Protein backbone atom coordinates (compact mmCIF):
# COMPACT_ATOMS: atom_id res chain seq x y z
CA MET A 1 105.01 80.14 98.10
CA SER A 2 101.74 82.03 97.50
CA SER A 3 101.46 82.51 101.24
CA LEU A 4 105.00 83.93 101.51
CA LYS A 5 104.01 86.66 98.99
CA LEU A 6 101.96 88.22 101.75
CA LEU A 7 105.21 89.22 103.47
CA LEU A 8 106.91 90.72 100.42
CA PRO A 9 105.31 94.21 100.62
CA PHE A 10 106.52 94.45 104.25
CA PHE A 11 110.06 93.50 103.38
CA ARG A 12 110.05 96.03 100.48
CA LYS A 13 108.71 98.86 102.53
CA HIS A 14 110.98 98.24 105.55
CA ARG A 15 113.97 96.91 103.70
CA LEU A 16 116.43 99.34 105.27
CA MET A 17 115.16 98.43 108.78
CA VAL A 18 115.48 94.73 108.00
CA LEU A 19 118.94 95.19 106.42
CA ALA A 20 120.22 97.20 109.30
CA GLY A 21 118.95 94.60 111.75
CA PHE A 22 120.66 91.78 109.86
CA CYS A 23 123.89 93.77 109.67
CA ALA A 24 123.79 94.34 113.44
CA LEU A 25 123.14 90.64 113.96
CA ILE A 26 126.03 89.68 111.74
CA ILE A 27 128.39 92.16 113.53
CA ALA A 28 127.30 90.67 116.88
CA ASP A 29 127.95 87.14 115.67
CA LEU A 30 131.38 87.94 114.17
CA ALA A 31 132.44 89.90 117.23
CA GLN A 32 131.33 87.03 119.44
CA LEU A 33 133.39 84.64 117.30
CA THR A 34 136.61 86.58 118.03
CA ILE A 35 136.27 86.05 121.80
CA PRO A 36 137.37 82.36 121.74
CA TRP A 37 140.36 83.29 119.56
CA LEU A 38 141.33 86.06 122.07
CA LEU A 39 140.82 83.64 124.91
CA GLY A 40 143.04 81.05 123.29
CA ARG A 41 145.82 83.65 122.80
CA ALA A 42 145.53 84.57 126.43
CA ILE A 43 145.76 80.96 127.57
CA ASP A 44 148.86 80.51 125.46
CA LEU A 45 150.39 83.50 127.17
CA LEU A 46 149.76 81.84 130.57
CA THR A 47 152.10 79.03 129.55
CA LEU A 48 155.01 81.42 129.03
CA GLU A 49 157.59 82.00 131.79
CA GLY A 50 158.04 85.40 133.27
CA LEU A 51 154.47 86.48 132.43
CA THR A 52 153.31 89.67 134.35
CA LYS A 53 149.86 91.19 134.92
CA ALA A 54 150.71 93.90 132.45
CA ASP A 55 151.21 91.29 129.73
CA LEU A 56 147.66 90.01 130.19
CA LEU A 57 146.04 93.45 130.34
CA PRO A 58 145.79 93.97 126.52
CA SER A 59 143.96 90.60 126.10
CA VAL A 60 141.54 91.48 128.92
CA VAL A 61 140.82 94.91 127.36
CA GLN A 62 140.36 93.40 123.87
CA ILE A 63 137.84 90.84 125.28
CA LEU A 64 135.94 93.57 127.19
CA LEU A 65 135.80 95.85 124.09
CA THR A 66 134.60 92.96 121.95
CA ALA A 67 131.93 92.11 124.55
CA LEU A 68 130.78 95.72 124.44
CA VAL A 69 130.54 95.55 120.59
CA VAL A 70 128.51 92.36 120.94
CA ALA A 71 126.16 93.90 123.50
CA SER A 72 125.54 97.06 121.36
CA ALA A 73 124.95 95.19 118.16
CA ARG A 74 122.70 92.75 119.94
CA TYR A 75 120.61 95.62 121.39
CA SER A 76 120.32 97.05 117.89
CA TRP A 77 119.23 93.88 116.07
CA ARG A 78 116.70 93.04 118.77
CA ASN A 79 115.03 96.45 118.31
CA LEU A 80 115.16 96.33 114.51
CA ILE A 81 114.28 92.73 113.73
CA ILE A 82 111.80 92.16 116.53
CA GLY A 83 110.35 95.64 115.82
CA PHE A 84 109.90 94.61 112.18
CA SER A 85 108.08 91.49 113.22
CA ARG A 86 105.65 93.67 115.21
CA ILE A 87 105.10 95.83 112.23
CA VAL A 88 104.24 92.84 110.07
CA GLU A 89 101.91 91.48 112.81
CA ARG A 90 100.03 94.80 112.97
CA GLY A 91 99.85 95.07 109.15
CA LEU A 92 98.49 91.49 108.74
CA ARG A 93 95.94 92.13 111.46
CA ASP A 94 94.71 95.25 109.65
CA LYS A 95 94.60 93.35 106.27
CA LEU A 96 92.75 90.37 107.95
CA TYR A 97 90.14 92.63 109.59
CA GLU A 98 89.64 94.70 106.48
CA LYS A 99 89.10 91.57 104.42
CA ILE A 100 86.80 89.93 106.94
CA VAL A 101 84.40 92.90 106.91
CA ARG A 102 84.35 92.86 103.09
CA LEU A 103 83.80 89.18 102.68
CA SER A 104 80.41 88.07 101.40
CA PRO A 105 77.70 86.70 103.71
CA ARG A 106 78.06 83.46 101.78
CA TRP A 107 81.63 83.12 102.95
CA HIS A 108 80.68 83.84 106.55
CA LEU A 109 78.06 81.14 106.39
CA GLU A 110 80.76 78.60 105.48
CA ASN A 111 83.36 79.74 108.01
CA SER A 112 83.21 79.97 111.83
CA SER A 113 83.89 83.04 113.93
CA GLY A 114 86.02 80.97 116.31
CA ASP A 115 88.42 80.07 113.52
CA LEU A 116 88.73 83.80 112.68
CA MET A 117 89.43 84.60 116.33
CA ALA A 118 92.14 81.94 116.35
CA MET A 119 93.73 83.50 113.28
CA ALA A 120 93.73 86.91 114.86
CA THR A 121 95.45 85.61 118.01
CA ASN A 122 97.31 82.27 117.83
CA ASP A 123 98.22 82.44 114.17
CA MET A 124 99.43 86.03 114.33
CA ASP A 125 101.68 85.14 117.25
CA SER A 126 103.20 82.24 115.24
CA ILE A 127 103.96 84.47 112.32
CA ARG A 128 105.52 87.04 114.54
CA MET A 129 107.75 84.45 116.20
CA ALA A 130 108.75 83.06 112.76
CA LEU A 131 109.79 86.56 111.64
CA SER A 132 111.68 87.32 114.84
CA ALA A 133 113.13 84.27 116.55
CA GLY A 134 112.95 82.22 113.30
CA LEU A 135 114.85 84.70 111.16
CA ILE A 136 117.35 85.44 113.90
CA SER A 137 118.11 81.75 114.32
CA ILE A 138 118.57 81.28 110.63
CA ILE A 139 121.15 84.11 110.43
CA ASP A 140 122.83 82.81 113.62
CA THR A 141 123.02 79.39 112.10
CA LEU A 142 124.52 80.56 108.81
CA VAL A 143 126.91 83.17 110.13
CA MET A 144 128.04 81.60 113.36
CA GLY A 145 127.95 78.06 111.97
CA CYS A 146 130.02 78.88 108.88
CA ALA A 147 132.43 81.18 110.69
CA ALA A 148 132.91 78.77 113.62
CA LEU A 149 133.52 75.98 111.11
CA GLY A 150 136.15 78.11 109.33
CA PHE A 151 138.01 78.80 112.59
CA MET A 152 137.84 75.12 113.49
CA ILE A 153 139.35 74.05 110.19
CA ALA A 154 142.08 76.66 110.57
CA ILE A 155 143.00 75.23 113.92
CA SER A 156 142.85 71.56 113.01
CA PRO A 157 141.15 69.91 109.98
CA ALA A 158 141.46 66.51 111.61
CA MET A 159 139.63 67.51 114.77
CA THR A 160 136.99 69.21 112.63
CA SER A 161 136.31 66.10 110.65
CA TRP A 162 135.74 64.10 113.82
CA ALA A 163 133.44 66.88 115.24
CA LEU A 164 131.32 67.03 112.10
CA LEU A 165 130.83 63.30 111.73
CA PRO A 166 127.89 62.99 114.16
CA MET A 167 126.36 66.23 112.89
CA MET A 168 125.61 64.86 109.42
CA ALA A 169 122.83 62.80 111.02
CA ILE A 170 121.23 66.00 112.33
CA THR A 171 120.80 67.39 108.78
CA VAL A 172 119.12 64.22 107.60
CA ALA A 173 116.77 64.11 110.64
CA ALA A 174 115.84 67.80 110.20
CA HIS A 175 114.88 67.18 106.50
CA PHE A 176 112.49 64.34 107.32
CA LEU A 177 110.99 65.85 110.40
CA GLY A 178 110.39 69.32 108.93
CA ARG A 179 107.46 68.34 106.71
CA ARG A 180 105.83 66.26 109.46
CA ILE A 181 106.06 69.17 111.89
CA TYR A 182 104.41 71.50 109.28
CA ARG A 183 101.43 69.16 108.83
CA GLN A 184 101.11 68.65 112.55
CA VAL A 185 101.24 72.41 113.31
CA LEU A 186 98.56 73.11 110.67
CA GLU A 187 96.32 70.52 112.22
CA VAL A 188 96.85 71.95 115.71
CA GLN A 189 95.94 75.44 114.48
CA ASN A 190 92.77 74.13 112.80
CA VAL A 191 91.73 72.28 115.97
CA PHE A 192 92.35 75.41 118.05
CA GLY A 193 90.03 77.33 115.71
CA ARG A 194 87.28 74.76 116.27
CA LEU A 195 87.81 74.88 120.05
CA THR A 196 87.57 78.71 119.98
CA GLU A 197 84.30 78.48 118.10
CA VAL A 198 82.84 76.01 120.60
CA VAL A 199 83.74 78.34 123.49
CA ARG A 200 82.45 81.44 121.67
CA GLU A 201 79.16 79.76 120.75
CA GLN A 202 78.52 78.55 124.32
CA LEU A 203 79.33 81.97 125.85
CA SER A 204 76.92 83.57 123.40
CA GLY A 205 74.21 81.13 124.21
CA LEU A 206 74.89 80.99 127.97
CA ARG A 207 71.38 82.06 128.96
CA VAL A 208 69.79 79.43 126.78
CA ILE A 209 72.07 76.74 128.11
CA ARG A 210 71.26 77.66 131.71
CA ALA A 211 67.56 78.00 131.08
CA MET A 212 67.45 74.51 129.55
CA GLY A 213 69.57 72.97 132.30
CA LEU A 214 72.24 71.96 129.81
CA THR A 215 75.30 73.33 131.67
CA ASN A 216 76.84 69.86 132.13
CA LEU A 217 76.26 69.00 128.49
CA ALA A 218 78.00 72.21 127.40
CA LEU A 219 80.93 71.57 129.73
CA THR A 220 81.22 68.08 128.33
CA GLU A 221 81.29 69.40 124.78
CA THR A 222 83.95 71.98 125.66
CA ASP A 223 85.99 69.33 127.56
CA ALA A 224 85.88 67.04 124.50
CA SER A 225 87.06 69.78 122.19
CA GLY A 226 89.79 70.74 124.67
CA ARG A 227 90.97 67.13 124.88
CA VAL A 228 91.22 66.86 121.08
CA TYR A 229 93.31 70.07 121.07
CA MET A 230 95.51 68.79 123.94
CA GLN A 231 96.00 65.40 122.16
CA LYS A 232 97.15 67.19 118.95
CA ASN A 233 99.58 69.29 121.00
CA VAL A 234 100.88 66.14 122.71
CA GLU A 235 101.46 64.53 119.36
CA MET A 236 103.38 67.63 118.23
CA ALA A 237 105.41 67.62 121.46
CA GLN A 238 106.19 63.93 120.98
CA LEU A 239 107.45 64.69 117.47
CA ALA A 240 109.64 67.51 118.73
CA GLY A 241 110.59 65.40 121.76
CA THR A 242 112.22 62.82 119.49
CA PHE A 243 114.22 65.48 117.71
CA PHE A 244 115.67 67.50 120.58
CA PRO A 245 117.07 64.58 122.56
CA PHE A 246 118.67 63.37 119.30
CA LEU A 247 120.24 66.78 118.77
CA HIS A 248 121.63 66.75 122.28
CA PHE A 249 123.08 63.25 121.92
CA MET A 250 124.76 64.03 118.62
CA SER A 251 126.16 67.33 119.92
CA ASN A 252 127.65 65.64 123.04
CA LEU A 253 129.01 62.88 120.84
CA SER A 254 130.92 65.53 118.81
CA VAL A 255 132.38 66.96 122.05
CA ALA A 256 133.42 63.44 123.21
CA LEU A 257 135.16 62.73 119.90
CA VAL A 258 136.99 66.09 119.97
CA LEU A 259 138.10 65.53 123.55
CA TYR A 260 139.51 62.11 122.68
CA PHE A 261 141.11 62.77 119.38
CA GLY A 262 141.86 66.46 119.94
CA GLY A 263 143.26 65.69 123.39
CA ARG A 264 145.80 63.31 121.83
CA GLU A 265 146.76 66.04 119.27
CA THR A 266 147.33 68.50 122.16
CA ILE A 267 149.35 65.94 124.25
CA MET A 268 151.56 65.28 121.23
CA GLY A 269 152.04 69.03 120.74
CA HIS A 270 150.40 69.28 117.29
CA VAL A 271 147.84 71.69 118.75
CA SER A 272 148.51 74.24 121.44
CA THR A 273 146.50 74.31 124.66
CA GLY A 274 145.07 77.71 123.77
CA ASP A 275 144.02 76.49 120.32
CA PHE A 276 142.39 73.40 121.84
CA VAL A 277 140.40 75.61 124.26
CA ALA A 278 139.43 77.96 121.34
CA PHE A 279 138.41 74.89 119.25
CA ILE A 280 136.11 73.64 122.13
CA ASN A 281 134.50 77.11 122.28
CA TYR A 282 134.01 77.20 118.49
CA LEU A 283 132.51 73.71 118.62
CA ALA A 284 130.07 75.00 121.27
CA MET A 285 129.24 77.87 118.97
CA LEU A 286 128.71 75.45 116.04
CA THR A 287 126.61 73.21 118.30
CA TRP A 288 124.25 76.00 119.34
CA PRO A 289 123.05 76.74 115.73
CA LEU A 290 122.54 73.02 115.25
CA MET A 291 120.72 72.79 118.52
CA ALA A 292 118.64 75.77 117.43
CA LEU A 293 117.83 73.92 114.27
CA GLY A 294 114.85 72.23 116.04
CA MET A 295 113.64 75.55 117.31
CA ILE A 296 114.05 77.07 113.81
CA ILE A 297 112.08 74.27 112.26
CA GLY A 298 109.30 74.72 114.86
CA PHE A 299 109.04 78.49 114.45
CA ILE A 300 109.25 78.48 110.65
CA GLN A 301 106.81 75.64 110.20
CA GLN A 302 104.29 77.19 112.62
CA GLY A 303 104.66 80.52 110.85
CA LEU A 304 104.19 78.96 107.46
CA ALA A 305 101.14 76.95 108.62
CA SER A 306 99.60 80.16 110.18
CA LEU A 307 100.45 82.16 107.07
CA THR A 308 98.69 79.57 104.94
CA ARG A 309 95.57 79.81 107.08
CA ILE A 310 95.50 83.54 106.88
CA ASN A 311 96.21 83.59 103.18
CA ARG A 312 93.09 81.40 102.77
CA VAL A 313 91.04 84.32 104.14
CA LEU A 314 92.89 87.12 102.34
CA THR A 315 92.50 85.33 99.00
CA ALA A 316 88.81 84.40 99.54
CA GLU A 317 86.13 85.82 97.36
CA LYS A 318 84.98 89.14 98.75
CA GLU A 319 81.98 91.18 97.92
CA PRO A 320 82.05 92.70 94.45
CA ASN A 321 83.87 96.03 94.45
CA ARG A 322 81.08 98.26 93.07
CA ASP A 323 83.01 101.43 93.83
CA HIS A 324 85.62 101.41 91.12
CA GLY A 325 84.44 103.35 88.11
CA LEU A 326 80.82 103.55 89.40
CA LYS A 327 78.93 106.59 90.59
CA ALA A 328 75.69 106.73 92.52
CA PRO A 329 72.85 107.19 89.98
CA GLU A 330 70.72 110.27 90.23
CA TYR A 331 67.19 109.36 91.04
CA LYS A 332 63.92 110.86 92.24
CA THR A 333 62.16 107.74 93.53
CA PRO A 334 63.80 104.51 94.67
CA ASP A 335 61.25 102.13 93.05
CA ILE A 336 62.31 98.48 93.17
CA GLU A 337 61.77 96.07 90.35
CA ILE A 338 62.49 92.32 90.57
CA SER A 339 62.46 90.30 87.36
CA ARG A 340 62.66 86.52 87.09
CA LEU A 341 64.89 86.30 90.16
CA THR A 342 66.03 82.85 91.11
CA PHE A 343 68.40 82.41 94.04
CA THR A 344 69.89 79.29 95.63
CA TYR A 345 71.98 79.23 98.84
CA PRO A 346 75.42 77.57 98.59
CA GLY A 347 75.35 73.95 99.31
CA ARG A 348 71.59 73.58 98.67
CA ALA A 349 69.88 71.99 95.70
CA THR A 350 66.46 73.63 96.00
CA PRO A 351 66.18 77.41 95.16
CA ALA A 352 65.06 79.62 97.99
CA LEU A 353 63.48 81.95 95.42
CA ASN A 354 62.19 80.64 92.06
CA ASN A 355 61.51 82.99 89.15
CA VAL A 356 60.19 85.85 91.29
CA THR A 357 58.85 88.92 89.50
CA LEU A 358 57.37 91.84 91.43
CA LYS A 359 57.44 95.61 91.91
CA LEU A 360 57.94 97.55 95.20
CA PRO A 361 57.07 101.22 94.59
CA HIS A 362 58.80 103.91 96.52
CA ASP A 363 55.56 105.27 97.99
CA ARG A 364 53.91 102.01 98.94
CA LEU A 365 54.10 100.17 102.26
CA THR A 366 54.12 96.46 101.27
CA ALA A 367 53.67 93.48 103.56
CA LEU A 368 55.26 90.11 102.56
CA ILE A 369 53.62 87.15 104.12
CA GLY A 370 53.69 83.38 103.82
CA PRO A 371 54.59 80.15 105.65
CA MET A 372 58.04 79.65 107.12
CA GLY A 373 60.71 78.78 104.57
CA SER A 374 58.89 80.42 101.73
CA GLY A 375 61.74 82.83 100.87
CA LYS A 376 60.51 85.98 102.51
CA SER A 377 63.77 86.69 104.49
CA THR A 378 65.91 85.77 101.47
CA LEU A 379 64.09 88.34 99.33
CA ALA A 380 64.48 90.99 102.07
CA ALA A 381 68.20 90.30 102.34
CA LEU A 382 68.77 90.46 98.57
CA LEU A 383 67.39 94.02 98.28
CA PRO A 384 70.35 95.70 100.04
CA ALA A 385 72.67 93.09 98.47
CA LEU A 386 73.50 91.28 101.69
CA TYR A 387 73.46 88.33 99.30
CA GLU A 388 74.42 89.05 95.71
CA PRO A 389 71.31 88.92 93.45
CA PRO A 390 71.70 87.34 90.04
CA PRO A 391 72.80 89.88 87.44
CA GLY A 392 69.90 91.60 85.68
CA SER A 393 67.31 90.45 88.19
CA LEU A 394 67.06 93.54 90.48
CA LYS A 395 66.62 97.20 89.59
CA VAL A 396 66.61 100.05 92.09
CA ALA A 397 65.51 103.44 90.85
CA GLY A 398 65.60 102.04 87.31
CA VAL A 399 69.29 101.01 87.56
CA LEU A 400 70.50 97.43 87.83
CA ALA A 401 71.75 96.63 91.35
CA GLU A 402 75.15 95.57 90.05
CA GLU A 403 75.64 99.07 88.59
CA TRP A 404 75.17 100.76 91.92
CA PRO A 405 78.16 101.42 94.24
CA LEU A 406 77.56 98.99 97.12
CA LYS A 407 77.69 101.64 99.81
CA ASP A 408 75.19 103.89 98.00
CA LEU A 409 72.87 101.05 97.31
CA ARG A 410 72.78 99.99 100.91
CA ALA A 411 72.37 103.55 102.06
CA LEU A 412 68.88 103.49 100.55
CA PHE A 413 67.66 100.78 102.89
CA GLY A 414 67.02 100.59 106.61
CA TYR A 415 67.19 96.81 107.17
CA VAL A 416 65.99 95.43 110.50
CA PRO A 417 66.34 91.66 110.83
CA GLN A 418 64.57 89.57 113.47
CA ASP A 419 67.77 89.15 115.56
CA GLY A 420 68.79 92.79 115.63
CA PHE A 421 72.39 92.89 116.76
CA MET A 422 73.28 95.13 119.76
CA PHE A 423 76.70 96.59 120.42
CA ASN A 424 78.30 96.64 123.82
CA GLY A 425 77.59 100.19 124.95
CA THR A 426 74.75 102.38 125.98
CA ILE A 427 71.19 102.61 124.53
CA PHE A 428 72.16 105.95 123.02
CA ASP A 429 75.31 104.42 121.41
CA ASN A 430 73.16 101.85 119.67
CA LEU A 431 70.44 104.25 118.70
CA ALA A 432 72.93 106.68 117.18
CA PHE A 433 75.20 104.05 115.64
CA GLY A 434 74.79 105.31 112.09
CA LEU A 435 74.51 108.99 113.08
CA PRO A 436 77.63 110.18 114.89
CA GLU A 437 76.15 113.70 115.27
CA ALA A 438 72.76 112.53 116.56
CA THR A 439 71.27 114.41 119.49
CA GLU A 440 69.31 112.93 122.41
CA GLU A 441 66.12 114.52 120.97
CA GLU A 442 66.57 112.66 117.73
CA ALA A 443 67.31 109.40 119.49
CA LEU A 444 64.25 109.79 121.71
CA ALA A 445 62.05 110.49 118.67
CA ALA A 446 63.25 107.22 117.10
CA ALA A 447 62.73 105.35 120.38
CA ARG A 448 59.19 106.79 120.67
CA ALA A 449 58.32 105.53 117.18
CA ALA A 450 59.57 102.08 118.05
CA GLY A 451 57.53 101.98 121.31
CA LEU A 452 60.64 102.00 123.53
CA MET A 453 59.96 105.10 125.59
CA ASP A 454 58.44 103.35 128.67
CA ASP A 455 61.38 100.90 128.76
CA ILE A 456 63.96 103.74 128.57
CA ALA A 457 62.09 105.55 131.39
CA GLY A 458 62.33 102.45 133.53
CA PHE A 459 66.13 102.10 133.14
CA PRO A 460 68.30 103.72 135.88
CA ASP A 461 70.32 105.84 133.47
CA GLY A 462 67.79 106.27 130.65
CA LEU A 463 69.52 106.57 127.29
CA ARG A 464 72.93 106.20 128.97
CA THR A 465 72.13 102.72 130.40
CA VAL A 466 74.83 100.24 129.47
CA ILE A 467 73.12 97.17 127.91
CA GLY A 468 76.08 94.79 127.93
CA GLU A 469 77.51 92.54 125.20
CA ARG A 470 74.89 91.79 122.48
CA GLY A 471 72.37 93.63 124.63
CA LEU A 472 72.50 90.92 127.29
CA THR A 473 70.55 92.99 129.88
CA LEU A 474 67.61 93.56 127.52
CA SER A 475 64.71 91.31 126.79
CA GLY A 476 64.17 89.90 123.28
CA GLY A 477 61.41 92.44 122.56
CA GLN A 478 63.47 95.36 123.83
CA ARG A 479 66.41 94.37 121.59
CA GLN A 480 64.09 94.13 118.58
CA ARG A 481 62.55 97.54 119.25
CA LEU A 482 65.98 99.11 119.84
CA ALA A 483 67.10 97.69 116.51
CA LEU A 484 63.99 99.19 114.85
CA ALA A 485 64.63 102.56 116.48
CA ARG A 486 68.18 102.50 115.25
CA ALA A 487 66.94 102.07 111.67
CA LEU A 488 64.29 104.75 112.06
CA ALA A 489 66.86 107.21 113.38
CA LEU A 490 68.55 107.01 109.93
CA ASP A 491 65.22 107.91 108.21
CA PRO A 492 66.00 105.60 105.21
CA PRO A 493 64.22 106.06 101.88
CA TYR A 494 63.12 102.43 102.05
CA LEU A 495 62.51 100.49 105.30
CA ILE A 496 62.75 96.69 105.52
CA MET A 497 61.41 94.92 108.61
CA ASP A 498 62.00 91.20 108.61
CA ASP A 499 59.73 89.84 111.39
CA THR A 500 61.22 92.57 113.50
CA LEU A 501 58.59 92.51 116.20
CA SER A 502 58.24 88.72 116.66
CA ALA A 503 59.37 88.85 120.33
CA VAL A 504 56.80 91.66 121.13
CA ASP A 505 53.35 90.76 122.42
CA ALA A 506 50.51 91.31 119.97
CA ALA A 507 49.05 94.43 121.59
CA VAL A 508 52.38 96.21 121.66
CA GLU A 509 53.04 95.21 118.02
CA ASP A 510 49.63 96.56 116.96
CA ALA A 511 50.41 99.93 118.55
CA ILE A 512 53.93 100.12 117.06
CA MET A 513 52.68 99.11 113.60
CA LYS A 514 49.96 101.76 113.60
CA ARG A 515 52.56 104.42 114.44
CA LEU A 516 54.94 103.12 111.78
CA ILE A 517 52.28 102.98 109.12
CA GLU A 518 51.40 106.62 109.80
CA LEU A 519 55.07 107.64 110.02
CA ARG A 520 55.95 105.87 106.75
CA ARG A 521 52.82 106.71 104.87
CA GLY A 522 53.75 107.63 101.26
CA ARG A 523 57.24 106.21 101.67
CA GLY A 524 58.60 102.80 100.65
CA GLY A 525 58.69 99.90 103.08
CA LEU A 526 58.62 96.11 103.11
CA ILE A 527 57.23 94.45 106.27
CA ILE A 528 57.53 90.72 106.94
CA SER A 529 55.30 89.46 109.76
CA HIS A 530 53.41 86.36 110.84
CA ARG A 531 50.84 88.45 112.82
CA LEU A 532 48.44 89.40 110.10
CA THR A 533 46.11 91.47 112.22
CA SER A 534 48.79 94.18 112.47
CA LEU A 535 48.99 94.43 108.61
CA LEU A 536 45.55 95.68 107.88
CA GLY A 537 46.79 99.24 107.53
CA VAL A 538 49.48 98.57 104.86
CA ASP A 539 48.98 99.59 101.31
CA TYR A 540 49.61 96.18 99.68
CA ILE A 541 50.20 92.58 100.57
CA MET A 542 52.16 89.90 98.68
CA ILE A 543 51.98 86.23 99.49
CA MET A 544 54.99 83.91 99.03
CA GLU A 545 54.83 80.15 99.08
CA ARG A 546 57.73 77.72 98.16
CA GLY A 547 59.88 80.58 96.85
CA CYS A 548 57.24 82.11 94.57
CA VAL A 549 54.77 84.93 94.74
CA THR A 550 51.38 83.15 94.66
CA ASP A 551 48.98 86.04 95.36
CA GLN A 552 48.94 89.75 95.94
CA GLY A 553 46.48 92.63 96.52
CA THR A 554 45.33 95.14 99.07
CA PRO A 555 44.22 93.84 102.49
CA ARG A 556 40.61 94.49 101.56
CA GLU A 557 40.95 92.58 98.25
CA LEU A 558 42.65 89.58 99.88
CA LEU A 559 40.02 89.38 102.67
CA GLY A 560 37.29 89.54 100.02
CA ARG A 561 38.38 86.34 98.33
CA GLU A 562 39.79 82.92 99.22
CA SER A 563 43.46 83.52 99.91
CA TYR A 564 46.22 82.53 102.24
CA PHE A 565 45.87 85.94 103.94
CA LYS A 566 42.18 85.38 104.59
CA ARG A 567 42.59 81.82 105.94
CA VAL A 568 45.41 82.76 108.35
CA TYR A 569 43.73 85.99 109.37
CA GLU A 570 40.44 84.26 110.22
CA LEU A 571 42.34 81.48 112.05
CA GLY A 572 44.14 84.11 114.17
CA GLN A 573 40.79 85.84 114.93
CA TYR A 574 39.27 82.49 115.98
CA PHE A 575 42.07 81.70 118.40
CA SER A 576 41.97 85.24 119.75
CA GLU A 577 38.22 85.16 120.37
CA ASN A 578 38.42 81.71 122.09
CA LYS A 579 41.27 82.93 124.21
CA ASP A 580 39.28 85.96 125.31
CA GLY A 581 36.34 83.73 126.10
CA ALA A 582 38.39 81.36 128.22
CA ASP A 583 39.89 84.35 130.08
CA SER A 584 36.42 85.74 130.82
CA ASP A 585 35.25 82.40 132.27
């Protein structure tokens, strides 16, 4: 029932549209129900002696006019009810998308993109069909079924009792099969989501798959997922396949009983020929809603299953809404203070950060170094609240992070992760993503600072070169530098570089870092890197190991004593010198 509440706002807002659609549907059904009665009267006229063409004309005109009413009403309800289902589909898509972009990174870690894609396509179609064909079939069943039954009783209660006898079994079968179909549909939708995720993941990693010669393995995995999806659909088809033949058999059994017992009533003169023909027509009209019962169960159960899946997303925990009642604090310097911060990823027992306390002044370029898995990237992601920091553990400009409006807090940071995401468009589109009014001169200035100018000059269309989905046509180093240029174009108060230049060779990284250090001198920045030679020009270095800050100081201070920085720096120098020696030989 909680899932059905998602539809209530749409029904309230468009109640007149839905009501008009249902009224048109009922008018079409009632008008259609008068046609067998008119046909029966016409057949009875044919049995009279001395009948002329003029005597039949009124019946023909009445049937034609009734058919015109049915056609007009049917045109109306199709536009209104099916149009309403499209409105709901669009509204749910908008709500789903709005919720997805506001969900926390934690939620996205626990849910696959493929499942979300399945919800936006397959599940939305199921809901639309339930609201259109499903609702229409329900009204048809109620109105036409009840009205046809009333006409049948009026003609002959005895024939009606024989006709309804086999149909009692249909109601019992529908009750037991409905729940099973719902569970089966929900499982099919979940399997489809997993299949979509497998395909999406393999398309995204197509270059890696080909480079490693794993195409056959990828195809085998896709084939296995597809077979599971096919098997679940076959099981659902088998379930429906037992119901529909049963419906057909019972419906035909009703017709057979009416022909036998009703035929005797007609021969004996208890029922006129016209009434008998009308009764058969009404039985057909009653049979259709019962036949449609299987379709109704399928549509409604699929719609409910899909609505349940979408409701799971819409009711999921989203990022805290910092904007209600909060205003961006006035500040002069965005100094950052972290106090006794402990953070654990969901599903893990060991904290990624353990009781971290440090300061990141607004005018100091700080490097954060340490072995892999020491918590550097976690700390970088907590600053702009990509993950929610524990309350009271993070202050920005003297104000607790939870007291900042989220959009204003994130606007302080230019965050460049190692795998900078590229949008499907041109180089300029990606450079100016956060600056709709950016000029080519501003874009080129950012590209120059990120060491991307030679690459742009080598592209056929320069800044207007299309880079493909996720920057497919760019190298790893080009993507990283383009992501860095995009952040520099925003000129953020505080720049965060999380191993941003890992795919760039050492000489290029050194040149870029020298430019950045000069460009950001006197402004805040946090640089995470494993190439320590490029960090000699920063103001301060902090060392993290096992989630804790174990040492800190200026580059000169750390090189002057035994430290992790000195050990790794000297090791890098040793390998560099030996490599140069080997090259000279």
